[in-house]
Amino acid sequence: MTTAVEAIKQKALELGFCDCGITDCSPIAPNIVQAFEQRIEQHKTADMYFLSNNMEKRFFPQMLVPEAKSIVVVLANYYQKIQYNGKYKIALYAWGEDYHKVVKKKLKLLQQFIVENIDNKSINRYFVDTAPTMDKYLAYRAGLGWIGKNTLLNGKYGSFCFIGILFTSLELEIDQPITTNPCQDCNLCIKACPTKALYQPYSLDANLCWSYQTIENKGNIRIENSKQSYIYGCDICQKVCPHNQHAENTTIKEFQTNSDLSDIDDKRLDSITTESFETLFAHTPIHRIGYEKMKANINIIKKGLQTKDNKK
């Protein structure tokens, strides 16, 4: 007889998620809380002030959904090999449709499955970067991987995965976290970080992180860009990771490059207009930063690359 946990995990895989784990609603471990608070106190989170909101709900998951007894955590692989040989680079996760909408839609279907097939009185709420949840830590606790030295969740499918969270009032058998440290003595991600944002293992300074500068920073890029070519996000610390060397292409069609982006080139990006920005990025995560921010990113990177070429 199929158990509730088995049924949920099987349905998650059918929906396109590459992995699924279960954890409980117990408080976040004190050492994780301390490290999080320390990052905020030291201004390592830059201008992302929202991270200091709703701290109690962030550290005590059951306060977010009082009826919940278990948390279902899912991973959605977004990796794909991009055939783009121009000078500009875009983080892999942004080549497909906006993951918030895609993962949220799949979690809604998982929620419906639970209500219709397991317990029609159950209370279920799902989130995709839309609530004060410690997603990476919950995924770790649900046995889906470990937190790597680049501060990203890394598991058997590598780190090119989105995380989805579903709180449920069902009391489910939980999975156990990985107790080993697969990163061991490897420091490739730290050495490869061009801005030294990974200033020590498992520690990230968002002020120096290229992803923060090109996405979350509301103003112009504030750090030296002469070695950079990413106009949105950054994949460097993931691309050098040994655990990503055998990453498989996503099977989720929404994350595969859309027809407009497949024809992108440097010329189109250099001459981007508000209209072409909408055409290229309307359904991608890039759309959130807006035309002005993207244009500013391109201009700054272009200037840096030209300076670099002149020094040769």
C-alpha atoms as a PDB file:
ATOM      1  CA  MET A   1       0.000   0.000   0.000  1.00  0.00           C
ATOM      2  CA  THR A   2       1.377   3.393  -1.009  1.00  0.00           C
ATOM      3  CA  THR A   3       1.960   5.714   1.933  1.00  0.00           C
ATOM      4  CA  ALA A   4       1.133   9.423   1.909  1.00  0.00           C
ATOM      5  CA  VAL A   5       4.826  10.298   1.702  1.00  0.00           C
ATOM      6  CA  GLU A   6       5.400   7.932  -1.219  1.00  0.00           C
ATOM      7  CA  ALA A   7       2.351   9.287  -3.032  1.00  0.00           C
ATOM      8  CA  ILE A   8       3.447  12.904  -2.559  1.00  0.00           C
ATOM      9  CA  LYS A   9       6.992  12.220  -3.719  1.00  0.00           C
ATOM     10  CA  GLN A  10       5.795  10.246  -6.733  1.00  0.00           C
ATOM     11  CA  LYS A  11       3.414  13.040  -7.715  1.00  0.00           C
ATOM     12  CA  ALA A  12       6.199  15.613  -7.312  1.00  0.00           C
ATOM     13  CA  LEU A  13       8.335  13.690  -9.781  1.00  0.00           C
ATOM     14  CA  GLU A  14       5.412  13.357 -12.193  1.00  0.00           C
ATOM     15  CA  LEU A  15       5.000  17.142 -12.090  1.00  0.00           C
ATOM     16  CA  GLY A  16       8.597  17.590 -13.213  1.00  0.00           C
ATOM     17  CA  PHE A  17      10.414  18.160  -9.942  1.00  0.00           C
ATOM     18  CA  CYS A  18      13.708  16.275  -9.844  1.00  0.00           C
ATOM     19  CA  ASP A  19      13.639  15.566  -6.105  1.00  0.00           C
ATOM     20  CA  CYS A  20      11.362  15.833  -3.090  1.00  0.00           C
ATOM     21  CA  GLY A  21      11.975  15.559   0.638  1.00  0.00           C
ATOM     22  CA  ILE A  22      10.070  15.995   3.879  1.00  0.00           C
ATOM     23  CA  THR A  23      11.009  17.821   7.067  1.00  0.00           C
ATOM     24  CA  ASP A  24       9.099  18.990  10.120  1.00  0.00           C
ATOM     25  CA  CYS A  25       8.192  22.465  11.345  1.00  0.00           C
ATOM     26  CA  SER A  26      10.705  22.557  14.189  1.00  0.00           C
ATOM     27  CA  PRO A  27      12.714  25.781  14.714  1.00  0.00           C
ATOM     28  CA  ILE A  28      15.772  26.547  12.634  1.00  0.00           C
ATOM     29  CA  ALA A  29      19.003  25.370  14.295  1.00  0.00           C
ATOM     30  CA  PRO A  30      20.615  28.009  16.576  1.00  0.00           C
ATOM     31  CA  ASN A  31      23.908  28.048  14.656  1.00  0.00           C
ATOM     32  CA  ILE A  32      22.047  28.810  11.403  1.00  0.00           C
ATOM     33  CA  VAL A  33      20.079  31.577  13.106  1.00  0.00           C
ATOM     34  CA  GLN A  34      23.249  33.053  14.574  1.00  0.00           C
ATOM     35  CA  ALA A  35      25.033  33.040  11.211  1.00  0.00           C
ATOM     36  CA  PHE A  36      22.024  34.672   9.500  1.00  0.00           C
ATOM     37  CA  GLU A  37      21.747  37.413  12.117  1.00  0.00           C
ATOM     38  CA  GLN A  38      25.483  38.010  11.980  1.00  0.00           C
ATOM     39  CA  ARG A  39      25.372  38.555   8.208  1.00  0.00           C
ATOM     40  CA  ILE A  40      22.699  41.220   8.668  1.00  0.00           C
ATOM     41  CA  GLU A  41      24.559  42.908  11.543  1.00  0.00           C
ATOM     42  CA  GLN A  42      27.753  43.020   9.458  1.00  0.00           C
ATOM     43  CA  HIS A  43      25.810  44.402   6.459  1.00  0.00           C
ATOM     44  CA  LYS A  44      26.786  41.370   4.381  1.00  0.00           C
ATOM     45  CA  THR A  45      23.245  41.361   2.967  1.00  0.00           C
ATOM     46  CA  ALA A  46      23.796  44.789   1.342  1.00  0.00           C
ATOM     47  CA  ASP A  47      20.533  46.660   0.726  1.00  0.00           C
ATOM     48  CA  MET A  48      18.274  43.611   0.926  1.00  0.00           C
ATOM     49  CA  TYR A  49      16.557  44.933   4.029  1.00  0.00           C
ATOM     50  CA  PHE A  50      13.601  42.617   3.556  1.00  0.00           C
ATOM     51  CA  LEU A  51      15.756  39.819   4.955  1.00  0.00           C
ATOM     52  CA  SER A  52      15.468  41.374   8.398  1.00  0.00           C
ATOM     53  CA  ASN A  53      11.656  41.370   8.268  1.00  0.00           C
ATOM     54  CA  ASN A  54       9.527  38.690   9.957  1.00  0.00           C
ATOM     55  CA  MET A  55      12.543  37.150  11.672  1.00  0.00           C
ATOM     56  CA  GLU A  56      10.413  35.087  14.070  1.00  0.00           C
ATOM     57  CA  LYS A  57       8.513  33.458  11.212  1.00  0.00           C
ATOM     58  CA  ARG A  58      11.803  32.834   9.407  1.00  0.00           C
ATOM     59  CA  PHE A  59      13.331  31.051  12.402  1.00  0.00           C
ATOM     60  CA  PHE A  60      10.147  29.373  13.665  1.00  0.00           C
ATOM     61  CA  PRO A  61       8.443  27.936  10.551  1.00  0.00           C
ATOM     62  CA  GLN A  62       5.253  26.948  12.338  1.00  0.00           C
ATOM     63  CA  MET A  63       4.564  30.612  13.068  1.00  0.00           C
ATOM     64  CA  LEU A  64       4.223  31.144   9.322  1.00  0.00           C
ATOM     65  CA  VAL A  65       1.589  28.405   8.960  1.00  0.00           C
ATOM     66  CA  PRO A  66       0.297  27.553  12.467  1.00  0.00           C
ATOM     67  CA  GLU A  67      -1.692  24.529  11.274  1.00  0.00           C
ATOM     68  CA  ALA A  68       1.323  22.926   9.594  1.00  0.00           C
ATOM     69  CA  LYS A  69       3.009  19.809  10.941  1.00  0.00           C
ATOM     70  CA  SER A  70       5.242  18.967   7.972  1.00  0.00           C
ATOM     71  CA  ILE A  71       7.077  20.751   5.163  1.00  0.00           C
ATOM     72  CA  VAL A  72       7.375  19.268   1.679  1.00  0.00           C
ATOM     73  CA  VAL A  73      10.456  20.566  -0.140  1.00  0.00           C
ATOM     74  CA  VAL A  74      10.884  20.134  -3.899  1.00  0.00           C
ATOM     75  CA  LEU A  75      13.729  20.817  -6.323  1.00  0.00           C
ATOM     76  CA  ALA A  76      13.284  21.875  -9.947  1.00  0.00           C
ATOM     77  CA  ASN A  77      16.314  21.451 -12.213  1.00  0.00           C
ATOM     78  CA  TYR A  78      16.866  24.390 -14.564  1.00  0.00           C
ATOM     79  CA  TYR A  79      20.244  23.474 -16.037  1.00  0.00           C
ATOM     80  CA  GLN A  80      20.730  23.632 -19.798  1.00  0.00           C
ATOM     81  CA  LYS A  81      23.657  24.069 -22.129  1.00  0.00           C
ATOM     82  CA  ILE A  82      23.415  27.508 -23.713  1.00  0.00           C
ATOM     83  CA  GLN A  83      24.942  27.927 -27.170  1.00  0.00           C
ATOM     84  CA  TYR A  84      25.800  31.615 -26.982  1.00  0.00           C
ATOM     85  CA  ASN A  85      29.236  32.780 -28.072  1.00  0.00           C
ATOM     86  CA  GLY A  86      28.898  36.537 -27.660  1.00  0.00           C
ATOM     87  CA  LYS A  87      30.687  38.682 -25.099  1.00  0.00           C
ATOM     88  CA  TYR A  88      27.715  39.133 -22.789  1.00  0.00           C
ATOM     89  CA  LYS A  89      26.549  36.441 -20.389  1.00  0.00           C
ATOM     90  CA  ILE A  90      23.258  35.811 -18.617  1.00  0.00           C
ATOM     91  CA  ALA A  91      22.856  33.470 -15.637  1.00  0.00           C
ATOM     92  CA  LEU A  92      21.450  30.082 -16.648  1.00  0.00           C
ATOM     93  CA  TYR A  93      18.340  30.352 -14.506  1.00  0.00           C
ATOM     94  CA  ALA A  94      17.146  33.396 -16.467  1.00  0.00           C
ATOM     95  CA  TRP A  95      17.022  31.823 -19.946  1.00  0.00           C
ATOM     96  CA  GLY A  96      13.647  30.218 -19.342  1.00  0.00           C
ATOM     97  CA  GLU A  97      10.328  31.418 -17.982  1.00  0.00           C
ATOM     98  CA  ASP A  98      10.066  33.096 -14.595  1.00  0.00           C
ATOM     99  CA  TYR A  99      10.618  30.288 -12.098  1.00  0.00           C
ATOM    100  CA  HIS A 100       8.317  31.891  -9.516  1.00  0.00           C
ATOM    101  CA  LYS A 101       5.333  31.283 -11.776  1.00  0.00           C
ATOM    102  CA  VAL A 102       6.459  27.892 -13.086  1.00  0.00           C
ATOM    103  CA  VAL A 103       7.292  26.309  -9.722  1.00  0.00           C
ATOM    104  CA  LYS A 104       4.276  27.916  -8.059  1.00  0.00           C
ATOM    105  CA  LYS A 105       1.965  26.416 -10.690  1.00  0.00           C
ATOM    106  CA  LYS A 106       3.420  22.950 -10.071  1.00  0.00           C
ATOM    107  CA  LEU A 107       3.132  23.351  -6.299  1.00  0.00           C
ATOM    108  CA  LYS A 108      -0.515  24.281  -6.723  1.00  0.00           C
ATOM    109  CA  LEU A 109      -1.052  21.002  -8.571  1.00  0.00           C
ATOM    110  CA  LEU A 110       0.754  19.153  -5.773  1.00  0.00           C
ATOM    111  CA  GLN A 111      -1.465  20.873  -3.235  1.00  0.00           C
ATOM    112  CA  GLN A 112      -4.579  19.828  -5.162  1.00  0.00           C
ATOM    113  CA  PHE A 113      -3.289  16.258  -5.325  1.00  0.00           C
ATOM    114  CA  ILE A 114      -2.874  16.147  -1.540  1.00  0.00           C
ATOM    115  CA  VAL A 115      -6.389  17.465  -0.937  1.00  0.00           C
ATOM    116  CA  GLU A 116      -8.066  15.241  -3.534  1.00  0.00           C
ATOM    117  CA  ASN A 117      -6.144  12.019  -2.933  1.00  0.00           C
ATOM    118  CA  ILE A 118      -4.781  12.023   0.614  1.00  0.00           C
ATOM    119  CA  ASP A 119      -6.800  14.266   2.947  1.00  0.00           C
ATOM    120  CA  ASN A 120      -9.500  16.638   1.742  1.00  0.00           C
ATOM    121  CA  LYS A 121      -9.462  18.437   5.087  1.00  0.00           C
ATOM    122  CA  SER A 122      -5.739  19.116   5.050  1.00  0.00           C
ATOM    123  CA  ILE A 123      -4.428  22.679   5.081  1.00  0.00           C
ATOM    124  CA  ASN A 124      -1.627  23.334   2.584  1.00  0.00           C
ATOM    125  CA  ARG A 125       0.257  26.509   1.675  1.00  0.00           C
ATOM    126  CA  TYR A 126       3.111  26.829  -0.791  1.00  0.00           C
ATOM    127  CA  PHE A 127       5.820  29.408  -1.404  1.00  0.00           C
ATOM    128  CA  VAL A 128       8.486  30.151  -4.016  1.00  0.00           C
ATOM    129  CA  ASP A 129      10.713  32.962  -2.742  1.00  0.00           C
ATOM    130  CA  THR A 130       7.587  34.710  -1.516  1.00  0.00           C
ATOM    131  CA  ALA A 131       7.738  34.117   2.241  1.00  0.00           C
ATOM    132  CA  PRO A 132      10.304  34.422   5.048  1.00  0.00           C
ATOM    133  CA  THR A 133      11.481  30.823   4.852  1.00  0.00           C
ATOM    134  CA  MET A 134      15.018  29.444   5.101  1.00  0.00           C
ATOM    135  CA  ASP A 135      14.616  27.503   1.861  1.00  0.00           C
ATOM    136  CA  LYS A 136      18.168  26.137   1.501  1.00  0.00           C
ATOM    137  CA  TYR A 137      18.313  25.040   5.111  1.00  0.00           C
ATOM    138  CA  LEU A 138      14.883  23.385   4.933  1.00  0.00           C
ATOM    139  CA  ALA A 139      15.973  21.565   1.776  1.00  0.00           C
ATOM    140  CA  TYR A 140      19.102  20.400   3.596  1.00  0.00           C
ATOM    141  CA  ARG A 141      17.016  19.248   6.544  1.00  0.00           C
ATOM    142  CA  ALA A 142      14.717  17.367   4.152  1.00  0.00           C
ATOM    143  CA  GLY A 143      17.697  15.347   2.903  1.00  0.00           C
ATOM    144  CA  LEU A 144      17.902  16.991  -0.526  1.00  0.00           C
ATOM    145  CA  GLY A 145      21.533  18.076  -0.310  1.00  0.00           C
ATOM    146  CA  TRP A 146      24.013  20.123   1.646  1.00  0.00           C
ATOM    147  CA  ILE A 147      24.933  23.796   1.772  1.00  0.00           C
ATOM    148  CA  GLY A 148      28.132  24.169  -0.262  1.00  0.00           C
ATOM    149  CA  LYS A 149      30.998  26.568   0.303  1.00  0.00           C
ATOM    150  CA  ASN A 150      29.375  28.844  -2.283  1.00  0.00           C
ATOM    151  CA  THR A 151      26.352  29.048   0.103  1.00  0.00           C
ATOM    152  CA  LEU A 152      24.103  27.244  -2.412  1.00  0.00           C
ATOM    153  CA  LEU A 153      22.216  23.991  -1.937  1.00  0.00           C
ATOM    154  CA  ASN A 154      24.064  21.180  -3.673  1.00  0.00           C
ATOM    155  CA  GLY A 155      22.658  17.681  -4.060  1.00  0.00           C
ATOM    156  CA  LYS A 156      22.669  14.705  -6.363  1.00  0.00           C
ATOM    157  CA  TYR A 157      21.360  16.957  -9.147  1.00  0.00           C
ATOM    158  CA  GLY A 158      23.983  19.625  -8.521  1.00  0.00           C
ATOM    159  CA  SER A 159      23.102  23.181  -7.558  1.00  0.00           C
ATOM    160  CA  PHE A 160      21.266  24.350 -10.686  1.00  0.00           C
ATOM    161  CA  CYS A 161      17.892  23.846  -8.991  1.00  0.00           C
ATOM    162  CA  PHE A 162      15.045  26.021  -7.766  1.00  0.00           C
ATOM    163  CA  ILE A 163      13.532  25.280  -4.365  1.00  0.00           C
ATOM    164  CA  GLY A 164       9.804  25.113  -3.659  1.00  0.00           C
ATOM    165  CA  ILE A 165       8.217  24.852  -0.201  1.00  0.00           C
ATOM    166  CA  LEU A 166       4.813  23.408   0.727  1.00  0.00           C
ATOM    167  CA  PHE A 167       3.561  23.520   4.313  1.00  0.00           C
ATOM    168  CA  THR A 168       0.948  20.901   5.154  1.00  0.00           C
ATOM    169  CA  SER A 169      -1.135  20.010   8.182  1.00  0.00           C
ATOM    170  CA  LEU A 170      -0.410  16.333   7.457  1.00  0.00           C
ATOM    171  CA  GLU A 171       1.975  14.717   9.912  1.00  0.00           C
ATOM    172  CA  LEU A 172       4.400  12.996   7.549  1.00  0.00           C
ATOM    173  CA  GLU A 173       7.453  10.839   8.137  1.00  0.00           C
ATOM    174  CA  ILE A 174      10.483  13.069   7.711  1.00  0.00           C
ATOM    175  CA  ASP A 175      13.714  12.488   5.796  1.00  0.00           C
ATOM    176  CA  GLN A 176      17.127  12.750   7.384  1.00  0.00           C
ATOM    177  CA  PRO A 177      19.739  15.334   6.350  1.00  0.00           C
ATOM    178  CA  ILE A 178      23.067  14.410   4.797  1.00  0.00           C
ATOM    179  CA  THR A 179      25.607  14.196   7.593  1.00  0.00           C
ATOM    180  CA  THR A 180      28.793  14.152   5.487  1.00  0.00           C
ATOM    181  CA  ASN A 181      30.504  17.192   3.974  1.00  0.00           C
ATOM    182  CA  PRO A 182      31.048  16.436   0.261  1.00  0.00           C
ATOM    183  CA  CYS A 183      32.845  19.781  -0.247  1.00  0.00           C
ATOM    184  CA  GLN A 184      35.701  18.548   1.979  1.00  0.00           C
ATOM    185  CA  ASP A 185      38.931  20.363   1.034  1.00  0.00           C
ATOM    186  CA  CYS A 186      37.664  21.733  -2.296  1.00  0.00           C
ATOM    187  CA  ASN A 187      37.769  25.537  -2.589  1.00  0.00           C
ATOM    188  CA  LEU A 188      37.256  25.954  -6.339  1.00  0.00           C
ATOM    189  CA  CYS A 189      34.184  28.157  -5.924  1.00  0.00           C
ATOM    190  CA  ILE A 190      35.993  30.479  -3.535  1.00  0.00           C
ATOM    191  CA  LYS A 191      39.026  30.758  -5.806  1.00  0.00           C
ATOM    192  CA  ALA A 192      36.881  31.329  -8.901  1.00  0.00           C
ATOM    193  CA  CYS A 193      34.715  34.111  -7.473  1.00  0.00           C
ATOM    194  CA  PRO A 194      36.008  37.141  -9.422  1.00  0.00           C
ATOM    195  CA  THR A 195      34.915  39.738  -6.851  1.00  0.00           C
ATOM    196  CA  LYS A 196      35.890  37.777  -3.726  1.00  0.00           C
ATOM    197  CA  ALA A 197      32.279  37.801  -2.568  1.00  0.00           C
ATOM    198  CA  LEU A 198      32.915  34.326  -1.143  1.00  0.00           C
ATOM    199  CA  TYR A 199      35.304  35.745   1.418  1.00  0.00           C
ATOM    200  CA  GLN A 200      35.478  32.477   3.365  1.00  0.00           C
ATOM    201  CA  PRO A 201      33.871  29.015   3.112  1.00  0.00           C
ATOM    202  CA  TYR A 202      30.071  29.119   3.453  1.00  0.00           C
ATOM    203  CA  SER A 203      30.074  32.925   3.701  1.00  0.00           C
ATOM    204  CA  LEU A 204      28.887  35.410   1.077  1.00  0.00           C
ATOM    205  CA  ASP A 205      29.176  39.199   1.084  1.00  0.00           C
ATOM    206  CA  ALA A 206      26.273  40.356  -1.087  1.00  0.00           C
ATOM    207  CA  ASN A 207      27.896  43.775  -1.505  1.00  0.00           C
ATOM    208  CA  LEU A 208      30.560  42.093  -3.633  1.00  0.00           C
ATOM    209  CA  CYS A 209      28.359  39.457  -5.287  1.00  0.00           C
ATOM    210  CA  TRP A 210      27.929  40.029  -9.005  1.00  0.00           C
ATOM    211  CA  SER A 211      24.417  38.589  -8.959  1.00  0.00           C
ATOM    212  CA  TYR A 212      23.377  41.118  -6.330  1.00  0.00           C
ATOM    213  CA  GLN A 213      24.963  43.990  -8.245  1.00  0.00           C
ATOM    214  CA  THR A 214      23.253  43.159 -11.536  1.00  0.00           C
ATOM    215  CA  ILE A 215      19.869  42.190 -10.067  1.00  0.00           C
ATOM    216  CA  GLU A 216      18.983  43.367  -6.561  1.00  0.00           C
ATOM    217  CA  ASN A 217      21.079  46.546  -6.463  1.00  0.00           C
ATOM    218  CA  LYS A 218      18.664  49.284  -7.474  1.00  0.00           C
ATOM    219  CA  GLY A 219      21.437  51.631  -8.579  1.00  0.00           C
ATOM    220  CA  ASN A 220      24.356  51.136 -10.944  1.00  0.00           C
ATOM    221  CA  ILE A 221      26.949  48.423 -10.377  1.00  0.00           C
ATOM    222  CA  ARG A 222      29.218  49.590  -7.585  1.00  0.00           C
ATOM    223  CA  ILE A 223      32.216  47.281  -7.908  1.00  0.00           C
ATOM    224  CA  GLU A 224      35.060  46.934 -10.395  1.00  0.00           C
ATOM    225  CA  ASN A 225      33.752  45.241 -13.523  1.00  0.00           C
ATOM    226  CA  SER A 226      36.831  44.952 -15.745  1.00  0.00           C
ATOM    227  CA  LYS A 227      36.822  41.149 -15.491  1.00  0.00           C
ATOM    228  CA  GLN A 228      33.077  40.720 -15.825  1.00  0.00           C
ATOM    229  CA  SER A 229      30.856  39.905 -18.778  1.00  0.00           C
ATOM    230  CA  TYR A 230      27.639  38.912 -16.985  1.00  0.00           C
ATOM    231  CA  ILE A 231      24.914  41.464 -17.617  1.00  0.00           C
ATOM    232  CA  TYR A 232      22.453  39.570 -15.397  1.00  0.00           C
ATOM    233  CA  GLY A 233      23.373  37.288 -12.509  1.00  0.00           C
ATOM    234  CA  CYS A 234      26.449  35.066 -12.330  1.00  0.00           C
ATOM    235  CA  ASP A 235      27.109  31.309 -12.578  1.00  0.00           C
ATOM    236  CA  ILE A 236      30.855  31.201 -11.997  1.00  0.00           C
ATOM    237  CA  CYS A 237      30.857  29.573  -8.565  1.00  0.00           C
ATOM    238  CA  GLN A 238      28.435  26.914  -9.831  1.00  0.00           C
ATOM    239  CA  LYS A 239      30.182  26.206 -13.125  1.00  0.00           C
ATOM    240  CA  VAL A 240      33.496  25.348 -11.433  1.00  0.00           C
ATOM    241  CA  CYS A 241      31.853  23.080  -8.842  1.00  0.00           C
ATOM    242  CA  PRO A 242      32.777  19.387  -9.363  1.00  0.00           C
ATOM    243  CA  HIS A 243      29.246  18.385  -8.395  1.00  0.00           C
ATOM    244  CA  ASN A 244      27.854  20.232 -11.428  1.00  0.00           C
ATOM    245  CA  GLN A 245      30.168  18.739 -14.028  1.00  0.00           C
ATOM    246  CA  HIS A 246      27.640  16.050 -14.962  1.00  0.00           C
ATOM    247  CA  ALA A 247      24.519  18.177 -14.695  1.00  0.00           C
ATOM    248  CA  GLU A 248      21.721  17.022 -16.982  1.00  0.00           C
ATOM    249  CA  ASN A 249      19.520  19.325 -19.040  1.00  0.00           C
ATOM    250  CA  THR A 250      16.188  20.219 -17.489  1.00  0.00           C
ATOM    251  CA  THR A 251      13.110  18.295 -18.584  1.00  0.00           C
ATOM    252  CA  ILE A 252      10.816  21.198 -17.677  1.00  0.00           C
ATOM    253  CA  LYS A 253       9.922  22.822 -20.979  1.00  0.00           C
ATOM    254  CA  GLU A 254       9.245  26.231 -19.401  1.00  0.00           C
ATOM    255  CA  PHE A 255      12.894  26.459 -18.312  1.00  0.00           C
ATOM    256  CA  GLN A 256      14.239  25.700 -21.762  1.00  0.00           C
ATOM    257  CA  THR A 257      15.323  28.717 -23.817  1.00  0.00           C
ATOM    258  CA  ASN A 258      12.361  30.367 -25.522  1.00  0.00           C
ATOM    259  CA  SER A 259      12.374  31.160 -29.239  1.00  0.00           C
ATOM    260  CA  ASP A 260      13.053  34.879 -28.794  1.00  0.00           C
ATOM    261  CA  LEU A 261      16.084  34.393 -26.561  1.00  0.00           C
ATOM    262  CA  SER A 262      17.525  31.693 -28.799  1.00  0.00           C
ATOM    263  CA  ASP A 263      18.154  34.383 -31.430  1.00  0.00           C
ATOM    264  CA  ILE A 264      19.794  36.856 -29.052  1.00  0.00           C
ATOM    265  CA  ASP A 265      23.183  38.324 -29.922  1.00  0.00           C
ATOM    266  CA  ASP A 266      25.514  41.105 -28.764  1.00  0.00           C
ATOM    267  CA  LYS A 267      24.217  43.541 -31.380  1.00  0.00           C
ATOM    268  CA  ARG A 268      20.622  43.186 -30.189  1.00  0.00           C
ATOM    269  CA  LEU A 269      21.705  43.690 -26.593  1.00  0.00           C
ATOM    270  CA  ASP A 270      23.856  46.741 -27.370  1.00  0.00           C
ATOM    271  CA  SER A 271      20.946  48.404 -29.140  1.00  0.00           C
ATOM    272  CA  ILE A 272      18.235  47.221 -26.750  1.00  0.00           C
ATOM    273  CA  THR A 273      15.134  49.415 -26.490  1.00  0.00           C
ATOM    274  CA  THR A 274      12.144  49.301 -24.182  1.00  0.00           C
ATOM    275  CA  GLU A 275      10.244  47.440 -26.904  1.00  0.00           C
ATOM    276  CA  SER A 276      12.949  44.850 -27.565  1.00  0.00           C
ATOM    277  CA  PHE A 277      13.451  44.416 -23.806  1.00  0.00           C
ATOM    278  CA  GLU A 278       9.797  43.438 -23.509  1.00  0.00           C
ATOM    279  CA  THR A 279      10.042  41.099 -26.502  1.00  0.00           C
ATOM    280  CA  LEU A 280      13.114  39.318 -25.173  1.00  0.00           C
ATOM    281  CA  PHE A 281      12.490  39.211 -21.438  1.00  0.00           C
ATOM    282  CA  ALA A 282       8.755  39.628 -20.760  1.00  0.00           C
ATOM    283  CA  HIS A 283       8.313  36.102 -19.401  1.00  0.00           C
ATOM    284  CA  THR A 284      11.746  35.645 -17.843  1.00  0.00           C
ATOM    285  CA  PRO A 285      13.089  36.551 -14.359  1.00  0.00           C
ATOM    286  CA  ILE A 286      15.050  39.375 -16.044  1.00  0.00           C
ATOM    287  CA  HIS A 287      11.861  41.345 -16.610  1.00  0.00           C
ATOM    288  CA  ARG A 288      11.708  42.171 -12.895  1.00  0.00           C
ATOM    289  CA  ILE A 289      14.758  44.471 -13.004  1.00  0.00           C
ATOM    290  CA  GLY A 290      13.276  46.553 -15.806  1.00  0.00           C
ATOM    291  CA  TYR A 291      14.688  48.072 -18.980  1.00  0.00           C
ATOM    292  CA  GLU A 292      16.653  50.902 -17.338  1.00  0.00           C
ATOM    293  CA  LYS A 293      18.592  48.566 -15.030  1.00  0.00           C
ATOM    294  CA  MET A 294      19.361  46.115 -17.840  1.00  0.00           C
ATOM    295  CA  LYS A 295      20.509  48.910 -20.160  1.00  0.00           C
ATOM    296  CA  ALA A 296      22.739  50.310 -17.408  1.00  0.00           C
ATOM    297  CA  ASN A 297      24.215  46.854 -16.776  1.00  0.00           C
ATOM    298  CA  ILE A 298      24.992  46.405 -20.476  1.00  0.00           C
ATOM    299  CA  ASN A 299      26.621  49.828 -20.766  1.00  0.00           C
ATOM    300  CA  ILE A 300      28.812  49.281 -17.716  1.00  0.00           C
ATOM    301  CA  ILE A 301      29.887  45.804 -18.840  1.00  0.00           C
ATOM    302  CA  LYS A 302      30.529  47.055 -22.384  1.00  0.00           C
ATOM    303  CA  LYS A 303      32.750  49.840 -21.061  1.00  0.00           C
ATOM    304  CA  GLY A 304      34.658  47.394 -18.869  1.00  0.00           C
ATOM    305  CA  LEU A 305      35.190  44.944 -21.718  1.00  0.00           C
ATOM    306  CA  GLN A 306      36.414  47.730 -24.013  1.00  0.00           C
ATOM    307  CA  THR A 307      38.876  48.857 -21.340  1.00  0.00           C
ATOM    308  CA  LYS A 308      40.086  45.293 -20.983  1.00  0.00           C
ATOM    309  CA  ASP A 309      40.572  44.941 -24.762  1.00  0.00           C
ATOM    310  CA  ASN A 310      42.513  48.223 -24.923  1.00  0.00           C
ATOM    311  CA  LYS A 311      44.962  46.960 -22.293  1.00  0.00           C
ATOM    312  CA  LYS A 312      45.874  43.906 -24.373  1.00  0.00           C
END
